[in-house]
N, C-alpha and C. Protein backbone atom coordinates (compact mmCIF):
# COMPACT_ATOMS: atom_id res chain seq x y z
N MET A 1 20.43 -12.67 17.09
CA MET A 1 20.09 -13.36 15.86
C MET A 1 20.13 -14.86 16.12
N PRO A 2 19.05 -15.56 15.82
CA PRO A 2 19.04 -17.01 16.07
C PRO A 2 19.94 -17.74 15.08
N PRO A 3 20.44 -18.92 15.48
CA PRO A 3 21.24 -19.69 14.54
C PRO A 3 20.41 -20.15 13.35
N SER A 4 21.05 -20.25 12.22
CA SER A 4 20.36 -20.68 11.01
C SER A 4 20.14 -22.19 11.06
N PRO A 5 19.19 -22.71 10.25
CA PRO A 5 19.01 -24.17 10.18
C PRO A 5 20.30 -24.88 9.78
N LYS A 6 21.07 -24.28 8.91
CA LYS A 6 22.33 -24.90 8.46
C LYS A 6 23.32 -25.01 9.62
N GLU A 7 23.43 -23.95 10.41
CA GLU A 7 24.33 -23.97 11.56
C GLU A 7 23.90 -25.04 12.56
N LEU A 8 22.62 -25.12 12.84
CA LEU A 8 22.13 -26.12 13.78
C LEU A 8 22.28 -27.53 13.24
N ALA A 9 22.06 -27.71 11.95
CA ALA A 9 22.20 -29.04 11.35
C ALA A 9 23.63 -29.56 11.53
N SER A 10 24.61 -28.70 11.37
CA SER A 10 26.00 -29.16 11.51
C SER A 10 26.28 -29.55 12.97
N VAL A 11 25.73 -28.84 13.92
CA VAL A 11 25.90 -29.17 15.33
C VAL A 11 25.21 -30.50 15.64
N LEU A 12 24.00 -30.67 15.13
CA LEU A 12 23.26 -31.92 15.35
C LEU A 12 23.99 -33.11 14.75
N LYS A 13 24.60 -32.93 13.60
CA LYS A 13 25.34 -34.02 12.95
C LYS A 13 26.56 -34.44 13.76
N GLU A 14 27.07 -33.53 14.60
CA GLU A 14 28.18 -33.86 15.49
C GLU A 14 27.71 -34.62 16.73
N GLY A 15 26.39 -34.82 16.85
CA GLY A 15 25.85 -35.56 17.99
C GLY A 15 25.53 -34.71 19.20
N ILE A 16 25.58 -33.41 19.05
CA ILE A 16 25.26 -32.52 20.16
C ILE A 16 23.75 -32.37 20.26
N LYS A 17 23.23 -32.51 21.46
CA LYS A 17 21.78 -32.38 21.67
C LYS A 17 21.40 -30.91 21.69
N VAL A 18 20.38 -30.59 20.94
CA VAL A 18 19.92 -29.20 20.85
C VAL A 18 18.41 -29.18 21.10
N TRP A 19 18.00 -28.30 22.01
CA TRP A 19 16.60 -28.08 22.32
C TRP A 19 16.18 -26.71 21.82
N GLY A 20 14.94 -26.60 21.38
CA GLY A 20 14.40 -25.32 20.97
C GLY A 20 13.02 -25.10 21.56
N CYS A 21 12.76 -23.88 21.97
CA CYS A 21 11.44 -23.53 22.49
C CYS A 21 11.24 -22.04 22.38
N SER A 22 10.06 -21.60 22.69
CA SER A 22 9.71 -20.20 22.93
C SER A 22 9.65 -19.26 21.75
N SER A 23 10.51 -19.41 20.79
CA SER A 23 10.60 -18.40 19.76
C SER A 23 11.12 -19.05 18.49
N MET A 24 12.18 -18.49 17.93
CA MET A 24 12.77 -19.10 16.73
C MET A 24 13.31 -20.49 17.05
N GLY A 25 13.67 -20.73 18.31
CA GLY A 25 14.10 -22.06 18.72
C GLY A 25 13.00 -23.09 18.51
N ALA A 26 11.76 -22.71 18.79
CA ALA A 26 10.63 -23.62 18.57
C ALA A 26 10.45 -23.89 17.08
N LEU A 27 10.56 -22.84 16.29
CA LEU A 27 10.43 -23.00 14.83
C LEU A 27 11.56 -23.86 14.28
N ARG A 28 12.79 -23.61 14.73
CA ARG A 28 13.93 -24.41 14.28
C ARG A 28 13.77 -25.88 14.71
N ALA A 29 13.24 -26.13 15.90
CA ALA A 29 13.04 -27.49 16.37
C ALA A 29 12.06 -28.25 15.47
N VAL A 30 11.05 -27.56 14.98
CA VAL A 30 10.11 -28.19 14.04
C VAL A 30 10.82 -28.48 12.72
N GLU A 31 11.56 -27.51 12.22
CA GLU A 31 12.25 -27.66 10.94
C GLU A 31 13.30 -28.77 10.98
N LEU A 32 13.94 -28.96 12.14
CA LEU A 32 15.08 -29.87 12.22
C LEU A 32 14.81 -31.11 13.08
N ARG A 33 13.54 -31.40 13.35
CA ARG A 33 13.23 -32.54 14.20
C ARG A 33 13.70 -33.86 13.60
N LYS A 34 13.71 -33.98 12.28
CA LYS A 34 14.17 -35.22 11.64
C LYS A 34 15.68 -35.41 11.77
N LEU A 35 16.38 -34.33 12.11
CA LEU A 35 17.83 -34.41 12.33
C LEU A 35 18.15 -34.61 13.82
N GLY A 36 17.10 -34.66 14.64
CA GLY A 36 17.29 -34.93 16.06
C GLY A 36 17.12 -33.76 17.00
N MET A 37 16.80 -32.59 16.48
CA MET A 37 16.58 -31.45 17.37
C MET A 37 15.29 -31.68 18.14
N LYS A 38 15.32 -31.39 19.42
CA LYS A 38 14.17 -31.56 20.30
C LYS A 38 13.44 -30.23 20.46
N GLY A 39 12.14 -30.32 20.58
CA GLY A 39 11.33 -29.14 20.80
C GLY A 39 10.53 -29.27 22.07
N SER A 40 10.16 -28.13 22.64
CA SER A 40 9.44 -28.13 23.89
C SER A 40 8.50 -26.94 23.93
N GLY A 41 7.36 -27.12 24.56
CA GLY A 41 6.48 -26.01 24.87
C GLY A 41 5.28 -25.85 23.95
N ILE A 42 4.44 -24.94 24.35
CA ILE A 42 3.21 -24.65 23.62
C ILE A 42 3.52 -24.07 22.25
N ILE A 43 4.47 -23.15 22.18
CA ILE A 43 4.80 -22.53 20.90
C ILE A 43 5.35 -23.57 19.93
N TYR A 44 6.22 -24.44 20.41
CA TYR A 44 6.73 -25.54 19.57
C TYR A 44 5.56 -26.37 19.03
N ASN A 45 4.65 -26.74 19.92
CA ASN A 45 3.50 -27.57 19.49
C ASN A 45 2.59 -26.83 18.53
N GLN A 46 2.46 -25.51 18.68
CA GLN A 46 1.65 -24.74 17.74
C GLN A 46 2.28 -24.71 16.35
N TYR A 47 3.61 -24.58 16.29
CA TYR A 47 4.29 -24.65 14.99
C TYR A 47 4.22 -26.07 14.42
N LEU A 48 4.42 -27.07 15.26
CA LEU A 48 4.41 -28.45 14.82
C LEU A 48 3.05 -28.83 14.23
N SER A 49 1.97 -28.40 14.87
CA SER A 49 0.61 -28.71 14.40
C SER A 49 0.13 -27.76 13.31
N ARG A 50 0.95 -26.78 12.97
CA ARG A 50 0.66 -25.77 11.96
C ARG A 50 -0.49 -24.84 12.36
N GLN A 51 -0.78 -24.76 13.65
CA GLN A 51 -1.71 -23.74 14.13
C GLN A 51 -1.10 -22.36 13.90
N VAL A 52 0.22 -22.30 13.99
CA VAL A 52 0.98 -21.09 13.72
C VAL A 52 2.01 -21.45 12.66
N GLU A 53 2.16 -20.58 11.66
CA GLU A 53 3.10 -20.88 10.58
C GLU A 53 4.13 -19.77 10.36
N ASP A 54 3.79 -18.55 10.71
CA ASP A 54 4.63 -17.41 10.37
C ASP A 54 5.63 -17.10 11.48
N ASP A 55 6.87 -16.82 11.08
CA ASP A 55 7.89 -16.48 12.08
C ASP A 55 7.69 -15.09 12.68
N ASP A 56 6.88 -14.24 12.03
CA ASP A 56 6.65 -12.91 12.60
C ASP A 56 5.86 -12.98 13.90
N GLU A 57 5.25 -14.13 14.21
CA GLU A 57 4.49 -14.24 15.46
C GLU A 57 5.39 -14.31 16.68
N VAL A 58 6.65 -14.66 16.50
CA VAL A 58 7.58 -14.71 17.63
C VAL A 58 8.62 -13.60 17.57
N ALA A 59 8.63 -12.84 16.49
CA ALA A 59 9.63 -11.79 16.31
C ALA A 59 9.37 -10.61 17.25
N VAL A 60 10.46 -10.09 17.81
CA VAL A 60 10.40 -8.95 18.72
C VAL A 60 11.61 -8.07 18.43
N VAL A 61 11.46 -6.77 18.61
CA VAL A 61 12.56 -5.83 18.45
C VAL A 61 13.03 -5.40 19.84
N PHE A 62 14.36 -5.45 20.05
CA PHE A 62 14.95 -5.10 21.33
C PHE A 62 15.89 -3.91 21.20
N ASN A 63 16.10 -3.23 22.32
CA ASN A 63 17.15 -2.24 22.44
C ASN A 63 18.45 -3.03 22.66
N ASN A 64 19.43 -2.82 21.82
CA ASN A 64 20.68 -3.58 21.91
C ASN A 64 21.46 -3.31 23.19
N THR A 65 21.27 -2.17 23.78
CA THR A 65 22.01 -1.83 25.00
C THR A 65 21.33 -2.36 26.25
N THR A 66 20.03 -2.16 26.35
CA THR A 66 19.31 -2.53 27.58
C THR A 66 18.60 -3.88 27.49
N ASN A 67 18.49 -4.44 26.28
CA ASN A 67 17.72 -5.67 26.03
C ASN A 67 16.23 -5.51 26.33
N LYS A 68 15.77 -4.28 26.46
CA LYS A 68 14.34 -4.02 26.67
C LYS A 68 13.61 -4.18 25.34
N ALA A 69 12.50 -4.87 25.39
CA ALA A 69 11.72 -5.09 24.17
C ALA A 69 10.97 -3.81 23.80
N TYR A 70 11.03 -3.47 22.53
CA TYR A 70 10.26 -2.34 22.00
C TYR A 70 8.91 -2.80 21.45
N SER A 71 8.81 -4.08 21.16
CA SER A 71 7.58 -4.63 20.60
C SER A 71 7.23 -5.90 21.35
N TYR A 72 6.06 -6.45 21.08
CA TYR A 72 5.66 -7.69 21.73
C TYR A 72 5.55 -8.78 20.66
N ALA A 73 5.60 -10.03 21.12
CA ALA A 73 5.44 -11.16 20.21
C ALA A 73 3.96 -11.43 19.98
N LEU A 74 3.57 -11.48 18.74
CA LEU A 74 2.16 -11.71 18.39
C LEU A 74 1.64 -13.02 18.97
N ILE A 75 2.51 -14.01 19.13
CA ILE A 75 2.09 -15.30 19.70
C ILE A 75 1.55 -15.10 21.11
N ASN A 76 2.08 -14.09 21.83
CA ASN A 76 1.57 -13.80 23.18
C ASN A 76 0.15 -13.24 23.12
N LEU A 77 -0.12 -12.40 22.14
CA LEU A 77 -1.47 -11.88 21.97
C LEU A 77 -2.41 -13.01 21.57
N ARG A 78 -1.99 -13.86 20.65
CA ARG A 78 -2.81 -15.00 20.22
C ARG A 78 -3.21 -15.84 21.44
N TYR A 79 -2.22 -16.17 22.28
CA TYR A 79 -2.48 -17.02 23.44
C TYR A 79 -3.38 -16.32 24.45
N THR A 80 -3.10 -15.05 24.72
CA THR A 80 -3.91 -14.29 25.68
C THR A 80 -5.36 -14.20 25.20
N LEU A 81 -5.57 -13.90 23.92
CA LEU A 81 -6.93 -13.82 23.38
C LEU A 81 -7.64 -15.17 23.48
N ASN A 82 -6.93 -16.25 23.20
CA ASN A 82 -7.54 -17.59 23.31
C ASN A 82 -7.97 -17.89 24.74
N ILE A 83 -7.15 -17.51 25.70
CA ILE A 83 -7.51 -17.71 27.11
C ILE A 83 -8.76 -16.92 27.45
N LEU A 84 -8.82 -15.67 27.00
CA LEU A 84 -10.00 -14.83 27.27
C LEU A 84 -11.26 -15.42 26.63
N VAL A 85 -11.13 -15.91 25.41
CA VAL A 85 -12.28 -16.53 24.73
C VAL A 85 -12.69 -17.81 25.45
N ASN A 86 -11.72 -18.66 25.78
CA ASN A 86 -12.02 -19.93 26.44
C ASN A 86 -12.64 -19.75 27.82
N ASN A 87 -12.38 -18.62 28.46
CA ASN A 87 -12.97 -18.31 29.77
C ASN A 87 -14.22 -17.44 29.65
N ASN A 88 -14.73 -17.33 28.43
CA ASN A 88 -15.95 -16.56 28.16
C ASN A 88 -15.86 -15.10 28.62
N LEU A 89 -14.66 -14.54 28.52
CA LEU A 89 -14.47 -13.14 28.86
C LEU A 89 -14.47 -12.24 27.62
N LEU A 90 -14.29 -12.88 26.46
CA LEU A 90 -14.21 -12.13 25.21
C LEU A 90 -14.86 -12.96 24.11
N ASP A 91 -15.63 -12.30 23.28
CA ASP A 91 -16.27 -12.95 22.15
C ASP A 91 -15.22 -13.38 21.12
N LYS A 92 -15.40 -14.56 20.55
CA LYS A 92 -14.44 -15.10 19.59
C LYS A 92 -14.26 -14.18 18.38
N ASP A 93 -15.35 -13.61 17.89
CA ASP A 93 -15.26 -12.70 16.73
C ASP A 93 -14.50 -11.42 17.08
N ASP A 94 -14.70 -10.92 18.30
CA ASP A 94 -13.97 -9.72 18.72
C ASP A 94 -12.48 -10.03 18.85
N ALA A 95 -12.16 -11.19 19.39
CA ALA A 95 -10.76 -11.60 19.51
C ALA A 95 -10.11 -11.69 18.13
N LYS A 96 -10.82 -12.25 17.18
CA LYS A 96 -10.29 -12.39 15.82
C LYS A 96 -10.04 -11.02 15.20
N LYS A 97 -10.94 -10.09 15.43
CA LYS A 97 -10.75 -8.73 14.89
C LYS A 97 -9.49 -8.08 15.44
N VAL A 98 -9.28 -8.22 16.74
CA VAL A 98 -8.08 -7.63 17.35
C VAL A 98 -6.83 -8.32 16.80
N PHE A 99 -6.86 -9.65 16.78
CA PHE A 99 -5.68 -10.39 16.31
C PHE A 99 -5.37 -10.05 14.86
N ASP A 100 -6.38 -10.09 14.00
CA ASP A 100 -6.15 -9.82 12.57
C ASP A 100 -5.61 -8.41 12.35
N ASN A 101 -6.13 -7.46 13.13
CA ASN A 101 -5.63 -6.09 13.01
C ASN A 101 -4.16 -6.01 13.40
N GLN A 102 -3.79 -6.64 14.51
CA GLN A 102 -2.39 -6.61 14.95
C GLN A 102 -1.49 -7.40 14.00
N LYS A 103 -2.00 -8.47 13.45
CA LYS A 103 -1.23 -9.28 12.48
C LYS A 103 -0.88 -8.44 11.26
N SER A 104 -1.74 -7.51 10.91
CA SER A 104 -1.50 -6.68 9.73
C SER A 104 -0.44 -5.59 9.96
N ILE A 105 -0.04 -5.41 11.20
CA ILE A 105 0.96 -4.40 11.55
C ILE A 105 2.34 -5.05 11.48
N TYR A 106 3.31 -4.37 10.86
CA TYR A 106 4.68 -4.85 10.78
C TYR A 106 5.20 -5.10 12.20
N PHE A 107 5.85 -6.24 12.43
CA PHE A 107 6.16 -6.69 13.79
C PHE A 107 6.92 -5.68 14.66
N PRO A 108 7.85 -4.87 14.14
CA PRO A 108 8.51 -3.91 15.05
C PRO A 108 7.57 -2.84 15.59
N ASP A 109 6.43 -2.66 14.93
CA ASP A 109 5.49 -1.61 15.32
C ASP A 109 4.37 -2.13 16.23
N ARG A 110 4.42 -3.42 16.57
CA ARG A 110 3.40 -3.98 17.48
C ARG A 110 3.83 -3.71 18.92
N ASN A 111 2.98 -3.00 19.63
CA ASN A 111 3.24 -2.72 21.05
C ASN A 111 1.88 -2.52 21.72
N PHE A 112 1.91 -2.27 23.02
CA PHE A 112 0.63 -2.14 23.72
C PHE A 112 -0.17 -0.93 23.26
N LEU A 113 0.50 0.11 22.84
CA LEU A 113 -0.24 1.26 22.30
C LEU A 113 -0.94 0.88 21.00
N SER A 114 -0.29 0.05 20.17
CA SER A 114 -0.95 -0.36 18.93
C SER A 114 -2.17 -1.21 19.23
N ILE A 115 -2.10 -2.02 20.28
CA ILE A 115 -3.27 -2.81 20.68
C ILE A 115 -4.38 -1.87 21.15
N LYS A 116 -4.00 -0.92 21.99
CA LYS A 116 -4.99 0.02 22.53
C LYS A 116 -5.71 0.77 21.41
N TYR A 117 -4.93 1.36 20.49
CA TYR A 117 -5.55 2.14 19.43
C TYR A 117 -6.32 1.27 18.44
N SER A 118 -5.87 0.05 18.24
CA SER A 118 -6.62 -0.88 17.38
C SER A 118 -7.97 -1.19 18.00
N CYS A 119 -7.98 -1.47 19.30
CA CYS A 119 -9.24 -1.77 19.98
C CYS A 119 -10.21 -0.60 19.90
N ILE A 120 -9.71 0.61 20.11
CA ILE A 120 -10.56 1.80 20.03
C ILE A 120 -11.07 1.99 18.60
N ASP A 121 -10.21 1.82 17.61
CA ASP A 121 -10.62 1.96 16.20
C ASP A 121 -11.67 0.94 15.82
N ILE A 122 -11.52 -0.29 16.28
CA ILE A 122 -12.42 -1.37 15.90
C ILE A 122 -13.75 -1.28 16.62
N PHE A 123 -13.72 -1.02 17.93
CA PHE A 123 -14.92 -1.15 18.76
C PHE A 123 -15.47 0.16 19.31
N GLY A 124 -14.80 1.26 19.08
CA GLY A 124 -15.21 2.51 19.71
C GLY A 124 -14.52 2.65 21.06
N GLU A 125 -14.57 3.86 21.62
CA GLU A 125 -13.76 4.14 22.81
C GLU A 125 -14.14 3.30 24.02
N VAL A 126 -15.41 3.20 24.35
CA VAL A 126 -15.81 2.52 25.59
C VAL A 126 -15.51 1.02 25.51
N LYS A 127 -16.04 0.36 24.51
CA LYS A 127 -15.80 -1.08 24.38
C LYS A 127 -14.33 -1.36 24.08
N GLY A 128 -13.71 -0.52 23.25
CA GLY A 128 -12.31 -0.72 22.89
C GLY A 128 -11.38 -0.65 24.10
N LEU A 129 -11.60 0.36 24.96
CA LEU A 129 -10.76 0.47 26.17
C LEU A 129 -11.01 -0.69 27.13
N ARG A 130 -12.26 -1.16 27.20
CA ARG A 130 -12.57 -2.30 28.07
C ARG A 130 -11.83 -3.55 27.58
N ILE A 131 -11.86 -3.79 26.27
CA ILE A 131 -11.17 -4.96 25.71
C ILE A 131 -9.66 -4.82 25.88
N TYR A 132 -9.13 -3.63 25.61
CA TYR A 132 -7.70 -3.40 25.77
C TYR A 132 -7.27 -3.67 27.21
N GLU A 133 -7.98 -3.15 28.18
CA GLU A 133 -7.63 -3.36 29.60
C GLU A 133 -7.71 -4.83 29.97
N MET A 134 -8.69 -5.54 29.39
CA MET A 134 -8.82 -6.97 29.64
C MET A 134 -7.59 -7.72 29.10
N ILE A 135 -7.18 -7.36 27.89
CA ILE A 135 -5.99 -7.98 27.29
C ILE A 135 -4.76 -7.68 28.14
N LYS A 136 -4.58 -6.43 28.48
CA LYS A 136 -3.39 -5.99 29.23
C LYS A 136 -3.34 -6.66 30.61
N SER A 137 -4.46 -6.72 31.30
CA SER A 137 -4.46 -7.27 32.67
C SER A 137 -4.37 -8.80 32.70
N ASN A 138 -4.65 -9.45 31.58
CA ASN A 138 -4.57 -10.91 31.51
C ASN A 138 -3.42 -11.39 30.63
N TRP A 139 -2.53 -10.49 30.27
CA TRP A 139 -1.43 -10.78 29.35
C TRP A 139 -0.58 -11.96 29.83
N ILE A 140 -0.32 -12.86 28.93
CA ILE A 140 0.54 -14.01 29.22
C ILE A 140 1.73 -13.96 28.27
N ASP A 141 2.92 -13.94 28.85
CA ASP A 141 4.15 -13.98 28.05
C ASP A 141 4.48 -15.45 27.81
N LEU A 142 3.89 -15.99 26.78
CA LEU A 142 4.03 -17.41 26.47
C LEU A 142 5.47 -17.79 26.16
N LYS A 143 6.20 -16.91 25.52
CA LYS A 143 7.61 -17.19 25.24
C LYS A 143 8.37 -17.40 26.55
N LYS A 144 8.10 -16.58 27.54
CA LYS A 144 8.76 -16.70 28.84
C LYS A 144 8.33 -18.00 29.54
N VAL A 145 7.05 -18.28 29.51
CA VAL A 145 6.53 -19.50 30.15
C VAL A 145 7.18 -20.74 29.53
N ASP A 146 7.22 -20.81 28.22
CA ASP A 146 7.83 -21.95 27.55
C ASP A 146 9.31 -22.10 27.92
N ALA A 147 10.04 -21.00 27.95
CA ALA A 147 11.47 -21.05 28.29
C ALA A 147 11.67 -21.52 29.72
N GLU A 148 10.85 -21.02 30.64
CA GLU A 148 10.98 -21.43 32.04
C GLU A 148 10.69 -22.92 32.22
N ILE A 149 9.70 -23.44 31.50
CA ILE A 149 9.37 -24.86 31.60
C ILE A 149 10.53 -25.72 31.09
N LEU A 150 11.12 -25.35 29.96
CA LEU A 150 12.24 -26.13 29.43
C LEU A 150 13.44 -26.05 30.37
N LEU A 151 13.76 -24.88 30.87
CA LEU A 151 14.90 -24.75 31.79
C LEU A 151 14.68 -25.56 33.06
N ARG A 152 13.45 -25.56 33.57
CA ARG A 152 13.13 -26.36 34.76
C ARG A 152 13.31 -27.85 34.46
N PHE A 153 12.83 -28.29 33.30
CA PHE A 153 12.97 -29.69 32.90
C PHE A 153 14.44 -30.09 32.82
N ILE A 154 15.23 -29.26 32.17
CA ILE A 154 16.65 -29.57 32.00
C ILE A 154 17.36 -29.59 33.35
N SER A 155 17.04 -28.63 34.21
CA SER A 155 17.71 -28.60 35.52
C SER A 155 17.31 -29.79 36.38
N GLU A 156 16.09 -30.29 36.23
CA GLU A 156 15.64 -31.46 37.00
C GLU A 156 16.28 -32.75 36.52
N GLN A 157 16.85 -32.75 35.31
CA GLN A 157 17.51 -33.93 34.79
C GLN A 157 18.86 -34.17 35.46
N GLY A 158 19.36 -33.17 36.18
CA GLY A 158 20.63 -33.30 36.88
C GLY A 158 21.82 -33.03 35.99
N SER A 159 21.58 -32.87 34.71
CA SER A 159 22.65 -32.52 33.78
C SER A 159 21.99 -32.01 32.51
N TRP A 160 22.81 -31.60 31.56
CA TRP A 160 22.29 -31.11 30.30
C TRP A 160 22.12 -32.24 29.30
N ARG A 161 22.26 -33.49 29.76
CA ARG A 161 22.14 -34.65 28.87
C ARG A 161 20.73 -35.22 28.95
N CYS A 162 19.76 -34.55 28.38
CA CYS A 162 18.37 -35.00 28.46
C CYS A 162 18.02 -35.82 27.23
């Protein structure tokens, strides 16, 4: 469970530096930037610019014992689809159909099977499976990328005082 804005505000008021990225941390960094919280990464910038507004785009359900994800973050699908469109591998309208369909699914129920069946339902079996395989083989875990970039930045500073 991520810390609440109130919990983070009290830490920030004590002068402790807090960074947020990748997920709810990125959203909290946007909400608390006027109190001094720092944000990092593509997801942070998407929330800051209001390209993304809903917290369900970063929400994921995990197994409490193994920490294995049962669902995927919609923000990863958004980013992957944008990359495919920008590289002329997928039509913009087709990407929107897939994204909108997955957005309509309650976040714990979003997984690769839901993407697969959505693609088949929307486009038919042949085109749907082709699009699904394209998404799966080009999948980008943006939350992971953002976290790795921030951790690399902090470690390069020689201390946690960035």
